């Protein structure tokens, strides 16, 4: 009997491992929805920022020339927006309507 007690190793039981996995699963279920919410929030902020950039450049164009720009391409031609900014604005469906930047 003494021999059995000496060779017994200390280790986690199956029940302890199951409890740990359950706790980790609960934490993952709590964290994942928050990550997707944060991603959506960041996307909205980025979209609004891009609209504000285009609107700012439209205002600058109007202040400099006394005329309203009719398109994003006109801002690119006059170097108020870069080609990359124009491409991003187009991909985000930002249009110039009556001198204002609007998302369609």
N, C-alpha and C. Protein backbone atom coordinates (compact mmCIF):
# COMPACT_ATOMS: atom_id res chain seq x y z
N UNK A 1 0.81 -1.18 0.00
CA UNK A 1 0.00 0.00 0.00
C UNK A 1 0.87 1.26 0.00
N UNK A 2 1.95 1.22 0.71
CA UNK A 2 2.84 2.37 0.75
C UNK A 2 3.45 2.63 -0.62
N UNK A 3 3.68 1.61 -1.36
CA UNK A 3 4.28 1.74 -2.68
C UNK A 3 3.37 2.53 -3.63
N UNK A 4 2.07 2.33 -3.55
CA UNK A 4 1.13 3.03 -4.41
C UNK A 4 1.08 4.52 -4.09
N UNK A 5 1.15 4.89 -2.85
CA UNK A 5 1.10 6.30 -2.47
C UNK A 5 2.34 7.05 -2.93
N UNK A 6 3.48 6.42 -2.96
CA UNK A 6 4.70 7.08 -3.36
C UNK A 6 4.76 7.34 -4.87
N UNK A 7 4.16 6.50 -5.66
CA UNK A 7 4.23 6.65 -7.11
C UNK A 7 3.10 7.52 -7.68
N UNK A 8 2.18 7.91 -6.85
CA UNK A 8 1.06 8.73 -7.34
C UNK A 8 1.57 10.12 -7.72
N UNK A 9 1.22 10.56 -8.91
CA UNK A 9 1.64 11.87 -9.40
C UNK A 9 0.54 12.89 -9.17
N UNK A 10 0.96 14.10 -8.98
CA UNK A 10 -0.02 15.18 -8.84
C UNK A 10 -0.29 15.73 -10.25
N UNK A 11 -1.56 15.77 -10.62
CA UNK A 11 -1.93 16.25 -11.95
C UNK A 11 -3.37 16.77 -11.91
N UNK A 12 -3.77 17.42 -12.98
CA UNK A 12 -5.14 17.91 -13.06
C UNK A 12 -6.07 16.75 -13.37
N UNK A 13 -7.23 16.77 -12.74
CA UNK A 13 -8.21 15.73 -13.03
C UNK A 13 -9.00 16.14 -14.27
N UNK A 14 -9.72 15.21 -14.80
CA UNK A 14 -10.54 15.47 -15.97
C UNK A 14 -11.60 16.53 -15.65
N UNK A 15 -12.16 16.48 -14.47
CA UNK A 15 -13.16 17.46 -14.06
C UNK A 15 -12.56 18.86 -13.99
N UNK A 16 -11.38 19.00 -13.45
CA UNK A 16 -10.72 20.31 -13.37
C UNK A 16 -10.45 20.86 -14.77
N UNK A 17 -10.00 20.02 -15.66
CA UNK A 17 -9.75 20.46 -17.03
C UNK A 17 -11.04 20.88 -17.73
N UNK A 18 -12.13 20.14 -17.49
CA UNK A 18 -13.41 20.49 -18.09
C UNK A 18 -13.90 21.84 -17.58
N UNK A 19 -13.71 22.11 -16.29
CA UNK A 19 -14.12 23.39 -15.72
C UNK A 19 -13.30 24.53 -16.33
N UNK A 20 -12.01 24.34 -16.47
CA UNK A 20 -11.15 25.37 -17.07
C UNK A 20 -11.58 25.65 -18.51
N UNK A 21 -11.83 24.61 -19.29
CA UNK A 21 -12.28 24.80 -20.67
C UNK A 21 -13.63 25.51 -20.74
N UNK A 22 -14.51 25.20 -19.80
CA UNK A 22 -15.81 25.85 -19.74
C UNK A 22 -15.65 27.35 -19.46
N UNK A 23 -14.79 27.69 -18.53
CA UNK A 23 -14.56 29.10 -18.19
C UNK A 23 -13.94 29.85 -19.38
N UNK A 24 -12.99 29.23 -20.04
CA UNK A 24 -12.38 29.85 -21.22
C UNK A 24 -13.42 30.07 -22.31
N UNK A 25 -14.29 29.09 -22.51
CA UNK A 25 -15.36 29.22 -23.51
C UNK A 25 -16.29 30.38 -23.18
N UNK A 26 -16.64 30.53 -21.91
CA UNK A 26 -17.49 31.64 -21.51
C UNK A 26 -16.82 32.98 -21.78
N UNK A 27 -15.54 33.08 -21.48
CA UNK A 27 -14.81 34.32 -21.73
C UNK A 27 -14.78 34.65 -23.23
N UNK A 28 -14.58 33.65 -24.06
CA UNK A 28 -14.56 33.86 -25.51
C UNK A 28 -15.94 34.33 -25.98
N UNK A 29 -17.00 33.73 -25.45
CA UNK A 29 -18.35 34.15 -25.84
C UNK A 29 -18.65 35.58 -25.41
N UNK A 30 -18.04 36.04 -24.35
CA UNK A 30 -18.24 37.41 -23.90
C UNK A 30 -17.43 38.39 -24.74
N UNK A 31 -16.20 38.03 -25.09
CA UNK A 31 -15.29 38.95 -25.77
C UNK A 31 -15.60 39.10 -27.26
N UNK A 32 -15.94 38.04 -27.95
CA UNK A 32 -16.14 38.11 -29.41
C UNK A 32 -17.21 39.10 -29.85
N UNK A 33 -18.38 39.13 -29.24
CA UNK A 33 -19.37 40.14 -29.67
C UNK A 33 -18.87 41.57 -29.47
N UNK A 34 -18.11 41.80 -28.43
CA UNK A 34 -17.57 43.15 -28.20
C UNK A 34 -16.58 43.53 -29.29
N UNK A 35 -15.80 42.59 -29.76
CA UNK A 35 -14.84 42.88 -30.83
C UNK A 35 -15.55 43.28 -32.11
N UNK A 36 -16.61 42.57 -32.46
CA UNK A 36 -17.33 42.91 -33.69
C UNK A 36 -18.02 44.27 -33.56
N UNK A 37 -18.52 44.58 -32.37
CA UNK A 37 -19.14 45.88 -32.14
C UNK A 37 -18.11 47.00 -32.28
N UNK A 38 -16.93 46.79 -31.74
CA UNK A 38 -15.87 47.78 -31.84
C UNK A 38 -15.43 47.97 -33.29
N UNK A 39 -15.38 46.88 -34.05
CA UNK A 39 -15.00 46.97 -35.46
C UNK A 39 -16.03 47.79 -36.24
N UNK A 40 -17.31 47.54 -35.99
CA UNK A 40 -18.36 48.30 -36.66
C UNK A 40 -18.28 49.79 -36.30
N UNK A 41 -18.02 50.06 -35.03
CA UNK A 41 -17.90 51.45 -34.58
C UNK A 41 -16.72 52.14 -35.26
N UNK A 42 -15.60 51.45 -35.35
CA UNK A 42 -14.41 52.02 -36.00
C UNK A 42 -14.67 52.27 -37.48
N UNK A 43 -15.40 51.38 -38.13
CA UNK A 43 -15.73 51.55 -39.55
C UNK A 43 -16.59 52.79 -39.76
N UNK A 44 -17.57 53.00 -38.89
CA UNK A 44 -18.43 54.18 -39.01
C UNK A 44 -17.63 55.46 -38.81
N UNK A 45 -16.72 55.45 -37.84
CA UNK A 45 -15.89 56.63 -37.60
C UNK A 45 -15.02 56.92 -38.82
N UNK A 46 -14.46 55.86 -39.42
CA UNK A 46 -13.62 56.04 -40.60
C UNK A 46 -14.43 56.60 -41.77
N UNK A 47 -15.64 56.09 -41.97
CA UNK A 47 -16.49 56.59 -43.05
C UNK A 47 -16.82 58.07 -42.85
N UNK A 48 -17.15 58.44 -41.63
CA UNK A 48 -17.45 59.85 -41.35
C UNK A 48 -16.21 60.72 -41.54
N UNK A 49 -15.06 60.20 -41.17
CA UNK A 49 -13.81 60.97 -41.34
C UNK A 49 -13.54 61.21 -42.82
N UNK A 50 -13.76 60.21 -43.65
CA UNK A 50 -13.52 60.37 -45.09
C UNK A 50 -14.48 61.39 -45.69
N UNK A 51 -15.73 61.35 -45.26
CA UNK A 51 -16.70 62.34 -45.73
C UNK A 51 -16.28 63.74 -45.31
N UNK A 52 -15.78 63.87 -44.09
CA UNK A 52 -15.31 65.18 -43.60
C UNK A 52 -14.10 65.67 -44.39
N UNK A 53 -13.20 64.77 -44.77
CA UNK A 53 -12.04 65.15 -45.57
C UNK A 53 -12.49 65.72 -46.91
N UNK A 54 -13.40 65.02 -47.57
CA UNK A 54 -13.89 65.49 -48.87
C UNK A 54 -14.61 66.83 -48.71
N UNK A 55 -15.42 66.96 -47.66
CA UNK A 55 -16.13 68.22 -47.45
C UNK A 55 -15.16 69.36 -47.18
N UNK A 56 -14.13 69.11 -46.41
CA UNK A 56 -13.13 70.14 -46.13
C UNK A 56 -12.45 70.59 -47.41
N UNK A 57 -12.12 69.64 -48.27
CA UNK A 57 -11.46 69.99 -49.53
C UNK A 57 -12.42 70.72 -50.46
N UNK A 58 -13.70 70.37 -50.43
CA UNK A 58 -14.69 71.11 -51.21
C UNK A 58 -14.77 72.56 -50.74
N UNK A 59 -14.76 72.75 -49.43
CA UNK A 59 -14.80 74.11 -48.88
C UNK A 59 -13.55 74.90 -49.26
N UNK A 60 -12.38 74.26 -49.19
CA UNK A 60 -11.14 74.93 -49.58
C UNK A 60 -11.17 75.33 -51.06
N UNK A 61 -11.65 74.42 -51.89
CA UNK A 61 -11.75 74.71 -53.33
C UNK A 61 -12.65 75.92 -53.57
N UNK A 62 -13.78 75.94 -52.89
CA UNK A 62 -14.72 77.06 -53.06
C UNK A 62 -14.11 78.37 -52.55
N UNK A 63 -13.39 78.31 -51.43
CA UNK A 63 -12.74 79.53 -50.91
C UNK A 63 -11.65 80.04 -51.84
N UNK A 64 -10.90 79.11 -52.44
CA UNK A 64 -9.79 79.50 -53.31
C UNK A 64 -10.26 80.00 -54.68
N UNK A 65 -11.28 79.36 -55.24
CA UNK A 65 -11.69 79.67 -56.61
C UNK A 65 -12.96 80.51 -56.70
N UNK A 66 -13.74 80.52 -55.65
CA UNK A 66 -15.02 81.22 -55.70
C UNK A 66 -16.11 80.42 -56.38
N UNK A 67 -15.80 79.18 -56.77
CA UNK A 67 -16.78 78.31 -57.43
C UNK A 67 -16.87 77.00 -56.66
N UNK A 68 -18.00 76.34 -56.80
CA UNK A 68 -18.17 75.03 -56.16
C UNK A 68 -17.64 73.94 -57.08
N UNK A 69 -16.95 72.99 -56.49
CA UNK A 69 -16.51 71.82 -57.26
C UNK A 69 -17.73 70.96 -57.55
N UNK A 70 -17.76 70.38 -58.73
CA UNK A 70 -18.91 69.57 -59.14
C UNK A 70 -18.69 68.08 -58.97
N UNK A 71 -17.42 67.69 -58.74
CA UNK A 71 -17.14 66.26 -58.60
C UNK A 71 -15.84 66.06 -57.83
N UNK A 72 -15.65 64.84 -57.41
CA UNK A 72 -14.40 64.48 -56.74
C UNK A 72 -13.24 64.55 -57.73
N UNK A 73 -13.51 64.20 -58.98
CA UNK A 73 -12.46 64.26 -60.01
C UNK A 73 -11.93 65.69 -60.18
N UNK A 74 -12.81 66.65 -60.06
CA UNK A 74 -12.40 68.05 -60.17
C UNK A 74 -11.45 68.42 -59.02
N UNK A 75 -11.69 67.87 -57.84
CA UNK A 75 -10.79 68.10 -56.71
C UNK A 75 -9.43 67.46 -56.95
N UNK A 76 -9.42 66.30 -57.58
CA UNK A 76 -8.16 65.61 -57.88
C UNK A 76 -7.39 66.40 -58.94
N UNK A 77 -8.07 66.85 -59.98
CA UNK A 77 -7.42 67.61 -61.05
C UNK A 77 -6.75 68.88 -60.53
N UNK A 78 -7.35 69.49 -59.55
CA UNK A 78 -6.81 70.73 -58.98
C UNK A 78 -5.98 70.48 -57.72
N UNK A 79 -5.64 69.24 -57.48
CA UNK A 79 -4.75 68.80 -56.40
C UNK A 79 -5.27 69.13 -55.00
N UNK A 80 -6.58 69.05 -54.83
CA UNK A 80 -7.16 69.19 -53.50
C UNK A 80 -7.32 67.83 -52.83
N UNK A 81 -7.38 66.78 -53.63
CA UNK A 81 -7.41 65.40 -53.14
C UNK A 81 -6.38 64.60 -53.92
N UNK A 82 -5.82 63.60 -53.26
CA UNK A 82 -4.92 62.68 -53.97
C UNK A 82 -5.76 61.63 -54.69
N UNK A 83 -5.14 60.93 -55.61
CA UNK A 83 -5.84 59.86 -56.32
C UNK A 83 -6.29 58.77 -55.35
N UNK A 84 -5.46 58.49 -54.34
CA UNK A 84 -5.81 57.47 -53.35
C UNK A 84 -7.03 57.90 -52.53
N UNK A 85 -7.07 59.18 -52.15
CA UNK A 85 -8.23 59.68 -51.41
C UNK A 85 -9.49 59.63 -52.27
N UNK A 86 -9.36 59.98 -53.53
CA UNK A 86 -10.51 59.94 -54.43
C UNK A 86 -11.01 58.51 -54.61
N UNK A 87 -10.08 57.58 -54.74
CA UNK A 87 -10.46 56.18 -54.89
C UNK A 87 -11.18 55.69 -53.64
N UNK A 88 -10.67 56.06 -52.48
CA UNK A 88 -11.30 55.65 -51.22
C UNK A 88 -12.69 56.27 -51.09
N UNK A 89 -12.81 57.54 -51.44
CA UNK A 89 -14.11 58.22 -51.38
C UNK A 89 -15.11 57.56 -52.32
N UNK A 90 -14.65 57.20 -53.51
CA UNK A 90 -15.52 56.53 -54.47
C UNK A 90 -15.94 55.16 -53.96
N UNK A 91 -15.01 54.43 -53.37
CA UNK A 91 -15.35 53.09 -52.86
C UNK A 91 -16.31 53.17 -51.68
N UNK A 92 -16.31 54.30 -50.97
CA UNK A 92 -17.24 54.49 -49.85
C UNK A 92 -18.52 55.21 -50.28
N UNK A 93 -18.71 55.34 -51.61
CA UNK A 93 -19.92 55.91 -52.20
C UNK A 93 -20.15 57.36 -51.76
N UNK A 94 -19.08 58.12 -51.69
CA UNK A 94 -19.19 59.55 -51.38
C UNK A 94 -19.27 60.31 -52.70
N UNK A 95 -20.29 61.14 -52.82
CA UNK A 95 -20.52 61.92 -54.04
C UNK A 95 -20.59 63.40 -53.68
N UNK A 96 -20.35 64.24 -54.67
CA UNK A 96 -20.52 65.68 -54.50
C UNK A 96 -21.90 66.05 -55.03
N UNK A 97 -22.74 66.59 -54.15
CA UNK A 97 -24.09 67.00 -54.52
C UNK A 97 -24.28 68.44 -54.06
N UNK A 98 -24.44 69.35 -55.02
CA UNK A 98 -24.63 70.77 -54.72
C UNK A 98 -23.52 71.33 -53.82
N UNK A 99 -22.31 70.95 -54.10
CA UNK A 99 -21.18 71.46 -53.34
C UNK A 99 -20.98 70.84 -51.97
N UNK A 100 -21.71 69.78 -51.67
CA UNK A 100 -21.61 69.10 -50.38
C UNK A 100 -21.22 67.64 -50.60
N UNK A 101 -20.41 67.12 -49.69
CA UNK A 101 -20.04 65.70 -49.74
C UNK A 101 -21.14 64.89 -49.07
N UNK A 102 -21.68 63.95 -49.82
CA UNK A 102 -22.75 63.11 -49.28
C UNK A 102 -22.47 61.65 -49.59
N UNK A 103 -22.85 60.81 -48.66
CA UNK A 103 -22.72 59.37 -48.84
C UNK A 103 -24.02 58.85 -49.44
N UNK A 104 -23.87 58.12 -50.52
CA UNK A 104 -25.06 57.57 -51.20
C UNK A 104 -25.27 56.12 -50.83
